[in-house]
Amino acid sequence: MPFSEAEMPERLPVTRLAPDEDLKARFVSEAERVRAHVHCVPDAQAALATLRALLTTLQAQRAVVWDEAHLPVRGVVALLDALGIARVEGDNHAVATADVGITGADAALATTGTLVLASGRGRPRMASLLVPVHIALLTEDRIVPRLEDYIAAQRAQGLRVFRTSSNVTLISGSSRTSDIEMHPVFGVHGPLALHIVLIENLRGEMPAA
C-alpha cells in the first residue's frame, strides 16, 4: 500500500556533509579520490592557459567541443585554431577519432566529486563519453552539495533540463569497470582521463541547458 505524502518515511542522504563544510574543497577531494585531475584557476584567462597546457601536453590533434555558447569561457575555439587542433563533428565514428573532448558542466556534486552534463544541440554527449581524454570547464558556483540538491533545483524549475535534454550524464572520475575477480580496469568504456578546470571568479556566464 503506497504511503500518503504525510506518511512518507524520512529520506536520509546517502552521503554526509558537515553544515559548514567547504563545498569546493569537498568536491576537489572527492573528484581526485576517483582519479579525476582538478586544476583550480582564478579566472577565465587562467582557464584558457591551463587548457592550452593540457592540450599541448596531450599532443592533441583532433577535438570534439561543445559550442562556445555552452562553455563558461570564450576563446576556446580560437585557442584550438591557434594550436592547429581540428574540431571533430559528426557521428560516433567521426568522434571516435578525436584525441580529447572539451565540455562545460551543468553542475558538480560536492559529496561524490561528480559532474552533471546535460546533452543536446551544441552539447554532444560523446564529447565526454567516447574520447580518450575529457576536459570539463566548470565554474565554482555550479557546485552543489548532493544529487538530491540538484534534482530539487530542477524540480523548482519545472524539470526543464530533463525535459529538453537528450540525456543527462553523471560522471565520477575516469571510466572504470572490474573483471570477474573485481580488479579495477580503467578506460575500457569511456575516457581514460578526466581533467576538470575549476574556475573560481567566473559566475553566471554560462547559460543553462
N, C-alpha and C. Protein backbone atom coordinates (compact mmCIF):
# COMPACT_ATOMS: atom_id res chain seq x y z
N MET A 1 0.85 -1.19 0.00
CA MET A 1 0.00 0.00 0.00
C MET A 1 0.89 1.24 0.00
N PRO A 2 0.70 2.15 -0.94
CA PRO A 2 1.58 3.33 -1.01
C PRO A 2 1.35 4.27 0.16
N PHE A 3 2.44 4.98 0.51
CA PHE A 3 2.35 5.99 1.58
C PHE A 3 1.68 7.25 1.04
N SER A 4 0.92 7.93 1.89
CA SER A 4 0.49 9.28 1.56
C SER A 4 1.68 10.21 1.78
N GLU A 5 1.58 11.42 1.26
CA GLU A 5 2.72 12.36 1.40
C GLU A 5 3.04 12.60 2.86
N ALA A 6 2.02 12.68 3.73
CA ALA A 6 2.24 12.93 5.15
C ALA A 6 2.88 11.74 5.84
N GLU A 7 2.66 10.54 5.27
CA GLU A 7 3.17 9.33 5.91
C GLU A 7 4.52 8.89 5.36
N MET A 8 5.04 9.61 4.36
CA MET A 8 6.30 9.19 3.74
C MET A 8 7.42 9.15 4.77
N PRO A 9 8.18 8.05 4.81
CA PRO A 9 9.28 7.98 5.78
C PRO A 9 10.36 8.98 5.44
N GLU A 10 11.10 9.40 6.45
CA GLU A 10 12.18 10.37 6.23
C GLU A 10 13.26 9.73 5.36
N ARG A 11 13.71 10.50 4.36
CA ARG A 11 14.78 10.01 3.50
C ARG A 11 16.11 10.60 3.98
N LEU A 12 17.00 9.74 4.39
CA LEU A 12 18.29 10.20 4.85
C LEU A 12 19.27 10.22 3.68
N PRO A 13 20.08 11.25 3.55
CA PRO A 13 21.04 11.31 2.45
C PRO A 13 22.07 10.19 2.55
N VAL A 14 22.46 9.67 1.40
CA VAL A 14 23.45 8.59 1.38
C VAL A 14 24.82 9.12 1.77
N THR A 15 25.12 10.34 1.36
CA THR A 15 26.43 10.93 1.65
C THR A 15 26.31 11.93 2.79
N ARG A 16 27.40 12.13 3.51
CA ARG A 16 27.39 13.03 4.65
C ARG A 16 28.14 14.31 4.33
N LEU A 17 27.63 15.40 4.90
CA LEU A 17 28.23 16.71 4.67
C LEU A 17 28.03 17.55 5.91
N ALA A 18 29.12 18.08 6.45
CA ALA A 18 29.03 18.93 7.63
C ALA A 18 28.34 20.25 7.26
N PRO A 19 27.57 20.84 8.17
CA PRO A 19 26.84 22.08 7.86
C PRO A 19 27.73 23.21 7.36
N ASP A 20 28.95 23.29 7.87
CA ASP A 20 29.84 24.38 7.49
C ASP A 20 30.95 23.92 6.54
N GLU A 21 30.77 22.78 5.90
CA GLU A 21 31.83 22.24 5.05
C GLU A 21 32.01 23.07 3.79
N ASP A 22 33.25 23.23 3.37
CA ASP A 22 33.59 23.97 2.16
C ASP A 22 33.27 23.09 0.96
N LEU A 23 32.28 23.49 0.15
CA LEU A 23 31.85 22.66 -0.96
C LEU A 23 32.95 22.48 -2.01
N LYS A 24 33.69 23.55 -2.28
CA LYS A 24 34.76 23.44 -3.27
C LYS A 24 35.81 22.45 -2.81
N ALA A 25 36.26 22.56 -1.57
CA ALA A 25 37.29 21.65 -1.06
C ALA A 25 36.79 20.21 -1.07
N ARG A 26 35.53 20.01 -0.69
CA ARG A 26 34.97 18.66 -0.68
C ARG A 26 34.89 18.10 -2.09
N PHE A 27 34.44 18.91 -3.03
CA PHE A 27 34.35 18.45 -4.41
C PHE A 27 35.72 18.06 -4.95
N VAL A 28 36.72 18.91 -4.74
CA VAL A 28 38.06 18.62 -5.23
C VAL A 28 38.58 17.31 -4.62
N SER A 29 38.39 17.15 -3.32
CA SER A 29 38.86 15.95 -2.64
C SER A 29 38.19 14.69 -3.19
N GLU A 30 36.87 14.75 -3.36
CA GLU A 30 36.13 13.58 -3.84
C GLU A 30 36.44 13.29 -5.31
N ALA A 31 36.58 14.33 -6.12
CA ALA A 31 36.90 14.13 -7.52
C ALA A 31 38.28 13.49 -7.69
N GLU A 32 39.24 13.96 -6.93
CA GLU A 32 40.58 13.39 -7.02
C GLU A 32 40.61 11.96 -6.47
N ARG A 33 39.73 11.67 -5.53
CA ARG A 33 39.67 10.31 -4.98
C ARG A 33 39.23 9.30 -6.04
N VAL A 34 38.44 9.75 -7.02
CA VAL A 34 38.02 8.86 -8.09
C VAL A 34 38.82 9.11 -9.38
N ARG A 35 40.05 9.57 -9.20
CA ARG A 35 41.05 9.66 -10.28
C ARG A 35 40.80 10.79 -11.27
N ALA A 36 40.03 11.79 -10.92
CA ALA A 36 39.95 12.98 -11.75
C ALA A 36 41.12 13.90 -11.40
N HIS A 37 41.53 14.70 -12.37
CA HIS A 37 42.58 15.69 -12.15
C HIS A 37 41.92 17.06 -12.11
N VAL A 38 41.99 17.73 -10.97
CA VAL A 38 41.32 19.02 -10.81
C VAL A 38 42.36 20.14 -10.85
N HIS A 39 42.13 21.10 -11.74
CA HIS A 39 43.03 22.25 -11.89
C HIS A 39 42.26 23.49 -11.45
N CYS A 40 42.57 24.01 -10.29
CA CYS A 40 41.87 25.19 -9.76
C CYS A 40 42.54 26.46 -10.28
N VAL A 41 41.76 27.30 -10.93
CA VAL A 41 42.29 28.53 -11.53
C VAL A 41 41.43 29.71 -11.09
N PRO A 42 42.00 30.93 -11.10
CA PRO A 42 41.25 32.08 -10.58
C PRO A 42 40.27 32.72 -11.55
N ASP A 43 40.52 32.61 -12.86
CA ASP A 43 39.68 33.35 -13.80
C ASP A 43 39.72 32.71 -15.19
N ALA A 44 39.01 33.34 -16.13
CA ALA A 44 38.90 32.79 -17.48
C ALA A 44 40.25 32.75 -18.20
N GLN A 45 41.06 33.77 -18.00
CA GLN A 45 42.36 33.80 -18.66
C GLN A 45 43.22 32.63 -18.19
N ALA A 46 43.21 32.37 -16.90
CA ALA A 46 43.97 31.25 -16.36
C ALA A 46 43.40 29.92 -16.84
N ALA A 47 42.08 29.87 -17.01
CA ALA A 47 41.45 28.64 -17.51
C ALA A 47 41.94 28.33 -18.93
N LEU A 48 42.00 29.36 -19.77
CA LEU A 48 42.49 29.14 -21.13
C LEU A 48 43.95 28.74 -21.15
N ALA A 49 44.74 29.33 -20.25
CA ALA A 49 46.16 28.97 -20.17
C ALA A 49 46.32 27.51 -19.74
N THR A 50 45.49 27.09 -18.78
CA THR A 50 45.55 25.70 -18.34
C THR A 50 45.10 24.76 -19.45
N LEU A 51 44.06 25.15 -20.17
CA LEU A 51 43.59 24.34 -21.29
C LEU A 51 44.67 24.21 -22.35
N ARG A 52 45.34 25.32 -22.64
CA ARG A 52 46.44 25.28 -23.62
C ARG A 52 47.53 24.30 -23.18
N ALA A 53 47.90 24.38 -21.90
CA ALA A 53 48.95 23.49 -21.39
C ALA A 53 48.53 22.03 -21.48
N LEU A 54 47.27 21.74 -21.15
CA LEU A 54 46.79 20.36 -21.22
C LEU A 54 46.81 19.84 -22.66
N LEU A 55 46.31 20.63 -23.59
CA LEU A 55 46.25 20.21 -24.98
C LEU A 55 47.65 20.02 -25.56
N THR A 56 48.56 20.88 -25.15
CA THR A 56 49.95 20.76 -25.62
C THR A 56 50.60 19.50 -25.06
N THR A 57 50.42 19.25 -23.77
CA THR A 57 50.98 18.06 -23.14
C THR A 57 50.41 16.79 -23.76
N LEU A 58 49.13 16.81 -24.07
CA LEU A 58 48.48 15.64 -24.66
C LEU A 58 48.83 15.47 -26.14
N GLN A 59 49.44 16.49 -26.73
CA GLN A 59 49.74 16.50 -28.16
C GLN A 59 48.47 16.23 -28.98
N ALA A 60 47.41 16.87 -28.55
CA ALA A 60 46.12 16.67 -29.20
C ALA A 60 46.13 17.24 -30.61
N GLN A 61 45.53 16.50 -31.54
CA GLN A 61 45.41 16.96 -32.92
C GLN A 61 43.96 17.12 -33.35
N ARG A 62 43.06 16.42 -32.67
CA ARG A 62 41.64 16.48 -33.01
C ARG A 62 40.83 16.55 -31.72
N ALA A 63 39.80 17.39 -31.72
CA ALA A 63 39.00 17.57 -30.52
C ALA A 63 37.53 17.70 -30.87
N VAL A 64 36.68 17.14 -30.03
CA VAL A 64 35.24 17.36 -30.14
C VAL A 64 34.86 18.31 -29.01
N VAL A 65 34.14 19.39 -29.34
CA VAL A 65 33.98 20.50 -28.40
C VAL A 65 32.51 20.95 -28.37
N TRP A 66 32.04 21.24 -27.16
CA TRP A 66 30.74 21.90 -27.06
C TRP A 66 30.81 23.27 -27.72
N ASP A 67 29.69 23.74 -28.25
CA ASP A 67 29.63 25.10 -28.78
C ASP A 67 30.02 26.09 -27.68
N GLU A 68 30.68 27.17 -28.07
CA GLU A 68 31.14 28.13 -27.07
C GLU A 68 29.99 28.76 -26.28
N ALA A 69 28.80 28.78 -26.84
CA ALA A 69 27.65 29.32 -26.11
C ALA A 69 27.36 28.49 -24.86
N HIS A 70 27.85 27.26 -24.81
CA HIS A 70 27.61 26.37 -23.69
C HIS A 70 28.86 26.14 -22.84
N LEU A 71 29.89 26.93 -23.10
CA LEU A 71 31.12 26.87 -22.30
C LEU A 71 31.21 28.12 -21.43
N PRO A 72 31.81 28.01 -20.24
CA PRO A 72 31.85 29.17 -19.33
C PRO A 72 32.90 30.20 -19.70
N VAL A 73 33.78 29.89 -20.65
CA VAL A 73 34.79 30.87 -21.08
C VAL A 73 34.75 30.99 -22.59
N ARG A 74 35.07 32.15 -23.07
CA ARG A 74 35.15 32.38 -24.51
C ARG A 74 36.63 32.27 -24.93
N GLY A 75 36.83 31.90 -26.18
CA GLY A 75 38.19 31.81 -26.70
C GLY A 75 38.70 30.40 -26.88
N VAL A 76 37.87 29.40 -26.57
CA VAL A 76 38.31 28.01 -26.71
C VAL A 76 38.53 27.65 -28.18
N VAL A 77 37.59 28.05 -29.04
CA VAL A 77 37.73 27.75 -30.46
C VAL A 77 38.96 28.44 -31.04
N ALA A 78 39.17 29.69 -30.67
CA ALA A 78 40.35 30.41 -31.14
C ALA A 78 41.63 29.73 -30.66
N LEU A 79 41.61 29.21 -29.44
CA LEU A 79 42.78 28.51 -28.92
C LEU A 79 43.06 27.25 -29.74
N LEU A 80 42.01 26.49 -30.04
CA LEU A 80 42.20 25.28 -30.85
C LEU A 80 42.77 25.64 -32.21
N ASP A 81 42.26 26.70 -32.81
CA ASP A 81 42.77 27.11 -34.12
C ASP A 81 44.25 27.51 -34.02
N ALA A 82 44.59 28.22 -32.95
CA ALA A 82 45.99 28.66 -32.78
C ALA A 82 46.92 27.47 -32.60
N LEU A 83 46.43 26.41 -31.99
CA LEU A 83 47.25 25.21 -31.77
C LEU A 83 47.20 24.24 -32.94
N GLY A 84 46.41 24.56 -33.94
CA GLY A 84 46.30 23.68 -35.11
C GLY A 84 45.51 22.41 -34.82
N ILE A 85 44.58 22.48 -33.86
CA ILE A 85 43.79 21.31 -33.49
C ILE A 85 42.46 21.35 -34.25
N ALA A 86 42.19 20.29 -34.99
CA ALA A 86 40.96 20.23 -35.78
C ALA A 86 39.78 19.91 -34.89
N ARG A 87 38.64 20.53 -35.17
CA ARG A 87 37.40 20.25 -34.45
C ARG A 87 36.62 19.17 -35.18
N VAL A 88 36.25 18.15 -34.42
CA VAL A 88 35.58 16.98 -34.99
C VAL A 88 34.08 17.09 -34.74
N GLU A 89 33.30 16.86 -35.76
CA GLU A 89 31.85 16.83 -35.64
C GLU A 89 31.34 15.61 -36.40
N GLY A 90 30.08 15.26 -36.14
CA GLY A 90 29.50 14.17 -36.88
C GLY A 90 29.09 13.01 -36.02
N ASP A 91 29.05 11.83 -36.61
CA ASP A 91 28.56 10.65 -35.91
C ASP A 91 29.63 10.08 -34.98
N ASN A 92 29.28 8.99 -34.29
CA ASN A 92 30.19 8.41 -33.31
C ASN A 92 31.49 7.93 -33.93
N HIS A 93 31.41 7.47 -35.18
CA HIS A 93 32.63 7.02 -35.85
C HIS A 93 33.62 8.18 -36.00
N ALA A 94 33.11 9.36 -36.37
CA ALA A 94 33.97 10.53 -36.52
C ALA A 94 34.50 10.98 -35.16
N VAL A 95 33.61 11.02 -34.16
CA VAL A 95 34.02 11.48 -32.84
C VAL A 95 35.07 10.55 -32.24
N ALA A 96 35.01 9.27 -32.58
CA ALA A 96 35.95 8.29 -32.03
C ALA A 96 37.38 8.57 -32.48
N THR A 97 37.56 9.41 -33.50
CA THR A 97 38.92 9.74 -33.96
C THR A 97 39.52 10.90 -33.17
N ALA A 98 38.73 11.53 -32.30
CA ALA A 98 39.22 12.68 -31.54
C ALA A 98 40.16 12.25 -30.42
N ASP A 99 41.11 13.11 -30.10
CA ASP A 99 42.04 12.85 -29.00
C ASP A 99 41.49 13.34 -27.67
N VAL A 100 40.60 14.32 -27.73
CA VAL A 100 40.13 14.95 -26.50
C VAL A 100 38.73 15.51 -26.71
N GLY A 101 37.95 15.55 -25.64
CA GLY A 101 36.66 16.21 -25.66
C GLY A 101 36.66 17.36 -24.67
N ILE A 102 36.08 18.49 -25.05
CA ILE A 102 36.03 19.67 -24.19
C ILE A 102 34.57 20.05 -23.98
N THR A 103 34.15 20.09 -22.72
CA THR A 103 32.76 20.39 -22.40
C THR A 103 32.69 21.40 -21.27
N GLY A 104 31.50 21.91 -21.05
CA GLY A 104 31.19 22.61 -19.82
C GLY A 104 30.63 21.60 -18.84
N ALA A 105 29.93 22.08 -17.82
CA ALA A 105 29.25 21.20 -16.87
C ALA A 105 28.07 21.96 -16.28
N ASP A 106 26.93 21.29 -16.18
CA ASP A 106 25.74 21.94 -15.64
C ASP A 106 25.80 22.07 -14.13
N ALA A 107 26.42 21.09 -13.50
CA ALA A 107 26.53 21.11 -12.04
C ALA A 107 27.66 20.18 -11.63
N ALA A 108 28.05 20.30 -10.37
CA ALA A 108 29.04 19.41 -9.78
C ALA A 108 28.56 19.06 -8.38
N LEU A 109 28.66 17.79 -8.01
CA LEU A 109 28.16 17.31 -6.73
C LEU A 109 29.31 17.15 -5.76
N ALA A 110 29.30 17.94 -4.70
CA ALA A 110 30.45 18.01 -3.80
C ALA A 110 30.73 16.69 -3.10
N THR A 111 29.69 16.00 -2.64
CA THR A 111 29.91 14.83 -1.79
C THR A 111 30.38 13.60 -2.55
N THR A 112 30.31 13.63 -3.88
CA THR A 112 30.77 12.47 -4.66
C THR A 112 31.78 12.85 -5.74
N GLY A 113 32.09 14.13 -5.88
CA GLY A 113 33.04 14.55 -6.92
C GLY A 113 32.52 14.30 -8.32
N THR A 114 31.21 14.41 -8.49
CA THR A 114 30.54 14.05 -9.74
C THR A 114 30.19 15.28 -10.57
N LEU A 115 30.37 15.16 -11.89
CA LEU A 115 29.92 16.19 -12.82
C LEU A 115 28.56 15.81 -13.38
N VAL A 116 27.71 16.80 -13.61
CA VAL A 116 26.41 16.60 -14.25
C VAL A 116 26.44 17.31 -15.59
N LEU A 117 26.24 16.56 -16.68
CA LEU A 117 26.27 17.13 -18.02
C LEU A 117 24.97 16.80 -18.73
N ALA A 118 24.27 17.82 -19.20
CA ALA A 118 23.07 17.64 -20.00
C ALA A 118 23.44 17.84 -21.46
N SER A 119 23.09 16.88 -22.30
CA SER A 119 23.44 16.98 -23.71
C SER A 119 22.27 17.51 -24.52
N GLY A 120 22.57 17.93 -25.72
CA GLY A 120 21.56 18.49 -26.60
C GLY A 120 22.23 19.21 -27.75
N ARG A 121 21.50 20.08 -28.41
CA ARG A 121 22.07 20.82 -29.55
C ARG A 121 23.27 21.64 -29.09
N GLY A 122 24.40 21.45 -29.75
CA GLY A 122 25.62 22.16 -29.40
C GLY A 122 26.33 21.60 -28.19
N ARG A 123 25.81 20.50 -27.63
CA ARG A 123 26.40 19.89 -26.44
C ARG A 123 26.47 18.38 -26.64
N PRO A 124 27.27 17.91 -27.60
CA PRO A 124 27.29 16.48 -27.91
C PRO A 124 27.73 15.63 -26.71
N ARG A 125 26.95 14.60 -26.41
CA ARG A 125 27.27 13.77 -25.25
C ARG A 125 28.55 12.98 -25.45
N MET A 126 28.90 12.65 -26.70
CA MET A 126 30.09 11.85 -26.94
C MET A 126 31.38 12.62 -26.66
N ALA A 127 31.26 13.94 -26.48
CA ALA A 127 32.44 14.72 -26.09
C ALA A 127 32.96 14.30 -24.73
N SER A 128 32.09 13.70 -23.93
CA SER A 128 32.51 13.25 -22.59
C SER A 128 32.51 11.73 -22.45
N LEU A 129 32.02 11.02 -23.45
CA LEU A 129 31.84 9.58 -23.32
C LEU A 129 32.74 8.73 -24.22
N LEU A 130 33.10 9.25 -25.38
CA LEU A 130 33.78 8.42 -26.37
C LEU A 130 35.26 8.74 -26.54
N VAL A 131 35.67 9.90 -26.09
CA VAL A 131 37.06 10.34 -26.29
C VAL A 131 37.99 9.72 -25.24
N PRO A 132 39.28 9.62 -25.51
CA PRO A 132 40.21 9.08 -24.50
C PRO A 132 40.46 10.02 -23.34
N VAL A 133 40.34 11.33 -23.58
CA VAL A 133 40.55 12.32 -22.52
C VAL A 133 39.41 13.33 -22.55
N HIS A 134 38.80 13.56 -21.40
CA HIS A 134 37.71 14.52 -21.27
C HIS A 134 38.19 15.69 -20.42
N ILE A 135 38.04 16.91 -20.94
CA ILE A 135 38.37 18.12 -20.20
C ILE A 135 37.07 18.89 -19.97
N ALA A 136 36.71 19.10 -18.72
CA ALA A 136 35.48 19.82 -18.38
C ALA A 136 35.83 21.17 -17.78
N LEU A 137 35.19 22.22 -18.29
CA LEU A 137 35.36 23.57 -17.76
C LEU A 137 34.19 23.84 -16.82
N LEU A 138 34.50 24.10 -15.56
CA LEU A 138 33.48 24.21 -14.52
C LEU A 138 33.69 25.47 -13.70
N THR A 139 32.61 26.23 -13.46
CA THR A 139 32.71 27.37 -12.58
C THR A 139 32.30 26.96 -11.16
N GLU A 140 32.94 27.57 -10.20
CA GLU A 140 32.75 27.17 -8.80
C GLU A 140 31.31 27.30 -8.34
N ASP A 141 30.57 28.25 -8.89
CA ASP A 141 29.20 28.46 -8.45
C ASP A 141 28.26 27.33 -8.85
N ARG A 142 28.73 26.42 -9.68
CA ARG A 142 27.90 25.29 -10.09
C ARG A 142 28.03 24.08 -9.16
N ILE A 143 28.83 24.21 -8.10
CA ILE A 143 28.97 23.12 -7.14
C ILE A 143 27.80 23.14 -6.17
N VAL A 144 27.12 22.02 -6.06
CA VAL A 144 26.02 21.86 -5.09
C VAL A 144 26.37 20.70 -4.16
N PRO A 145 25.73 20.63 -3.00
CA PRO A 145 26.12 19.58 -2.04
C PRO A 145 25.95 18.16 -2.57
N ARG A 146 24.74 17.83 -3.02
CA ARG A 146 24.44 16.45 -3.38
C ARG A 146 23.56 16.39 -4.63
N LEU A 147 23.40 15.17 -5.16
CA LEU A 147 22.49 14.96 -6.28
C LEU A 147 21.08 15.39 -5.91
N GLU A 148 20.66 15.12 -4.67
CA GLU A 148 19.32 15.50 -4.24
C GLU A 148 19.09 17.00 -4.38
N ASP A 149 20.14 17.80 -4.11
CA ASP A 149 20.01 19.26 -4.22
C ASP A 149 19.86 19.69 -5.68
N TYR A 150 20.61 19.03 -6.56
CA TYR A 150 20.50 19.35 -7.98
C TYR A 150 19.10 19.02 -8.49
N ILE A 151 18.59 17.84 -8.13
CA ILE A 151 17.26 17.44 -8.58
C ILE A 151 16.19 18.36 -8.00
N ALA A 152 16.34 18.76 -6.73
CA ALA A 152 15.38 19.68 -6.12
C ALA A 152 15.35 21.00 -6.89
N ALA A 153 16.52 21.49 -7.29
CA ALA A 153 16.60 22.74 -8.05
C ALA A 153 15.91 22.58 -9.41
N GLN A 154 16.09 21.41 -10.03
CA GLN A 154 15.44 21.17 -11.32
C GLN A 154 13.92 21.10 -11.17
N ARG A 155 13.46 20.48 -10.09
CA ARG A 155 12.02 20.42 -9.85
C ARG A 155 11.44 21.82 -9.70
N ALA A 156 12.19 22.69 -9.02
CA ALA A 156 11.73 24.06 -8.81
C ALA A 156 11.63 24.81 -10.14
N GLN A 157 12.38 24.35 -11.15
CA GLN A 157 12.34 24.98 -12.47
C GLN A 157 11.49 24.18 -13.46
N GLY A 158 10.65 23.30 -12.93
CA GLY A 158 9.77 22.52 -13.79
C GLY A 158 10.46 21.41 -14.55
N LEU A 159 11.61 20.96 -14.04
CA LEU A 159 12.38 19.87 -14.67
C LEU A 159 12.75 20.21 -16.12
N ARG A 160 13.02 21.48 -16.37
CA ARG A 160 13.29 21.94 -17.74
C ARG A 160 14.47 21.23 -18.37
N VAL A 161 15.57 21.07 -17.61
CA VAL A 161 16.74 20.42 -18.17
C VAL A 161 16.43 18.99 -18.58
N PHE A 162 15.71 18.27 -17.72
CA PHE A 162 15.38 16.88 -18.02
C PHE A 162 14.41 16.77 -19.20
N ARG A 163 13.55 17.77 -19.36
CA ARG A 163 12.57 17.73 -20.44
C ARG A 163 13.17 18.11 -21.79
N THR A 164 14.20 18.93 -21.79
CA THR A 164 14.74 19.46 -23.04
C THR A 164 16.05 18.82 -23.48
N SER A 165 16.68 18.03 -22.63
CA SER A 165 17.96 17.42 -22.96
C SER A 165 17.77 15.99 -23.48
N SER A 166 18.63 15.58 -24.40
CA SER A 166 18.53 14.21 -24.91
C SER A 166 18.94 13.20 -23.85
N ASN A 167 19.85 13.59 -22.97
CA ASN A 167 20.16 12.76 -21.81
C ASN A 167 20.94 13.60 -20.80
N VAL A 168 20.99 13.14 -19.57
CA VAL A 168 21.77 13.78 -18.51
C VAL A 168 22.74 12.74 -17.98
N THR A 169 24.02 13.06 -18.02
CA THR A 169 25.07 12.12 -17.65
C THR A 169 25.72 12.53 -16.34
N LEU A 170 25.94 11.57 -15.47
CA LEU A 170 26.68 11.79 -14.23
C LEU A 170 28.05 11.15 -14.39
N ILE A 171 29.09 11.94 -14.19
CA ILE A 171 30.46 11.47 -14.42
C ILE A 171 31.26 11.61 -13.13
N SER A 172 31.75 10.50 -12.63
CA SER A 172 32.60 10.49 -11.43
C SER A 172 33.95 9.91 -11.81
N GLY A 173 34.91 10.75 -12.10
CA GLY A 173 36.25 10.30 -12.42
C GLY A 173 36.35 9.68 -13.81
N SER A 174 37.45 8.98 -14.05
CA SER A 174 37.66 8.33 -15.34
C SER A 174 36.80 7.08 -15.45
N SER A 175 36.62 6.62 -16.68
CA SER A 175 35.84 5.41 -16.90
C SER A 175 36.52 4.21 -16.26
N ARG A 176 35.73 3.37 -15.61
CA ARG A 176 36.33 2.19 -14.97
C ARG A 176 35.30 1.08 -14.85
N THR A 177 35.81 -0.13 -14.81
CA THR A 177 34.99 -1.31 -14.60
C THR A 177 35.85 -2.32 -13.83
N SER A 178 35.31 -3.50 -13.61
CA SER A 178 36.06 -4.54 -12.90
C SER A 178 35.87 -5.86 -13.60
N ASP A 179 36.90 -6.70 -13.54
CA ASP A 179 36.77 -8.04 -14.11
C ASP A 179 36.08 -8.95 -13.10
N ILE A 180 36.01 -10.22 -13.40
CA ILE A 180 35.27 -11.15 -12.57
C ILE A 180 35.86 -11.27 -11.16
N GLU A 181 37.13 -10.96 -11.02
CA GLU A 181 37.77 -11.01 -9.71
C GLU A 181 37.80 -9.64 -9.04
N MET A 182 37.03 -8.69 -9.60
CA MET A 182 36.87 -7.35 -9.06
C MET A 182 38.15 -6.52 -9.08
N HIS A 183 39.02 -6.82 -10.06
CA HIS A 183 40.19 -5.98 -10.26
C HIS A 183 39.78 -4.80 -11.14
N PRO A 184 40.01 -3.57 -10.69
CA PRO A 184 39.56 -2.42 -11.48
C PRO A 184 40.35 -2.26 -12.77
N VAL A 185 39.63 -1.90 -13.83
CA VAL A 185 40.23 -1.64 -15.13
C VAL A 185 39.72 -0.28 -15.59
N PHE A 186 40.62 0.58 -16.01
CA PHE A 186 40.25 1.96 -16.33
C PHE A 186 40.27 2.20 -17.84
N GLY A 187 39.33 3.04 -18.28
CA GLY A 187 39.33 3.50 -19.67
C GLY A 187 38.74 2.54 -20.68
N VAL A 188 38.07 1.49 -20.24
CA VAL A 188 37.54 0.49 -21.18
C VAL A 188 36.30 1.01 -21.89
N HIS A 189 35.40 1.65 -21.16
CA HIS A 189 34.11 2.07 -21.72
C HIS A 189 33.97 3.58 -21.81
N GLY A 190 35.07 4.30 -21.82
CA GLY A 190 34.99 5.75 -21.89
C GLY A 190 36.37 6.35 -21.65
N PRO A 191 36.42 7.65 -21.33
CA PRO A 191 37.71 8.33 -21.17
C PRO A 191 38.59 7.69 -20.11
N LEU A 192 39.87 7.58 -20.46
CA LEU A 192 40.86 7.07 -19.52
C LEU A 192 41.22 8.16 -18.50
N ALA A 193 41.07 9.41 -18.90
CA ALA A 193 41.44 10.52 -18.01
C ALA A 193 40.37 11.61 -18.05
N LEU A 194 40.11 12.17 -16.88
CA LEU A 194 39.19 13.31 -16.75
C LEU A 194 39.94 14.46 -16.10
N HIS A 195 39.99 15.60 -16.78
CA HIS A 195 40.58 16.82 -16.24
C HIS A 195 39.46 17.83 -16.03
N ILE A 196 39.39 18.40 -14.83
CA ILE A 196 38.39 19.42 -14.52
C ILE A 196 39.11 20.73 -14.26
N VAL A 197 38.82 21.74 -15.09
CA VAL A 197 39.37 23.07 -14.89
C VAL A 197 38.32 23.84 -14.09
N LEU A 198 38.61 24.03 -12.81
CA LEU A 198 37.64 24.64 -11.88
C LEU A 198 37.97 26.13 -11.73
N ILE A 199 37.04 26.97 -12.18
CA ILE A 199 37.29 28.41 -12.27
C ILE A 199 36.60 29.11 -11.10
N GLU A 200 37.37 29.87 -10.34
CA GLU A 200 36.85 30.46 -9.10
C GLU A 200 36.05 31.73 -9.35
N ASN A 201 36.62 32.71 -10.02
CA ASN A 201 35.99 34.02 -10.12
C ASN A 201 35.31 34.23 -11.47
N LEU A 202 34.39 33.36 -11.78
CA LEU A 202 33.65 33.47 -13.03
C LEU A 202 32.29 32.86 -12.79
N ARG A 203 31.28 33.72 -12.63
CA ARG A 203 29.97 33.24 -12.22
C ARG A 203 28.89 33.74 -13.15
N GLY A 204 27.93 32.86 -13.41
CA GLY A 204 26.73 33.27 -14.14
C GLY A 204 26.91 33.54 -15.61
N GLU A 205 28.06 33.19 -16.20
CA GLU A 205 28.26 33.49 -17.60
C GLU A 205 27.81 32.37 -18.52
N MET A 206 27.72 31.16 -17.98
CA MET A 206 27.33 30.03 -18.81
C MET A 206 25.82 29.84 -18.74
N PRO A 207 25.13 29.89 -19.88
CA PRO A 207 23.68 29.75 -19.84
C PRO A 207 23.27 28.34 -19.46
N ALA A 208 22.05 28.21 -18.96
CA ALA A 208 21.53 26.89 -18.64
C ALA A 208 21.27 26.12 -19.93
N ALA A 209 21.15 24.80 -19.78
CA ALA A 209 20.93 23.96 -20.96
C ALA A 209 19.60 24.31 -21.62
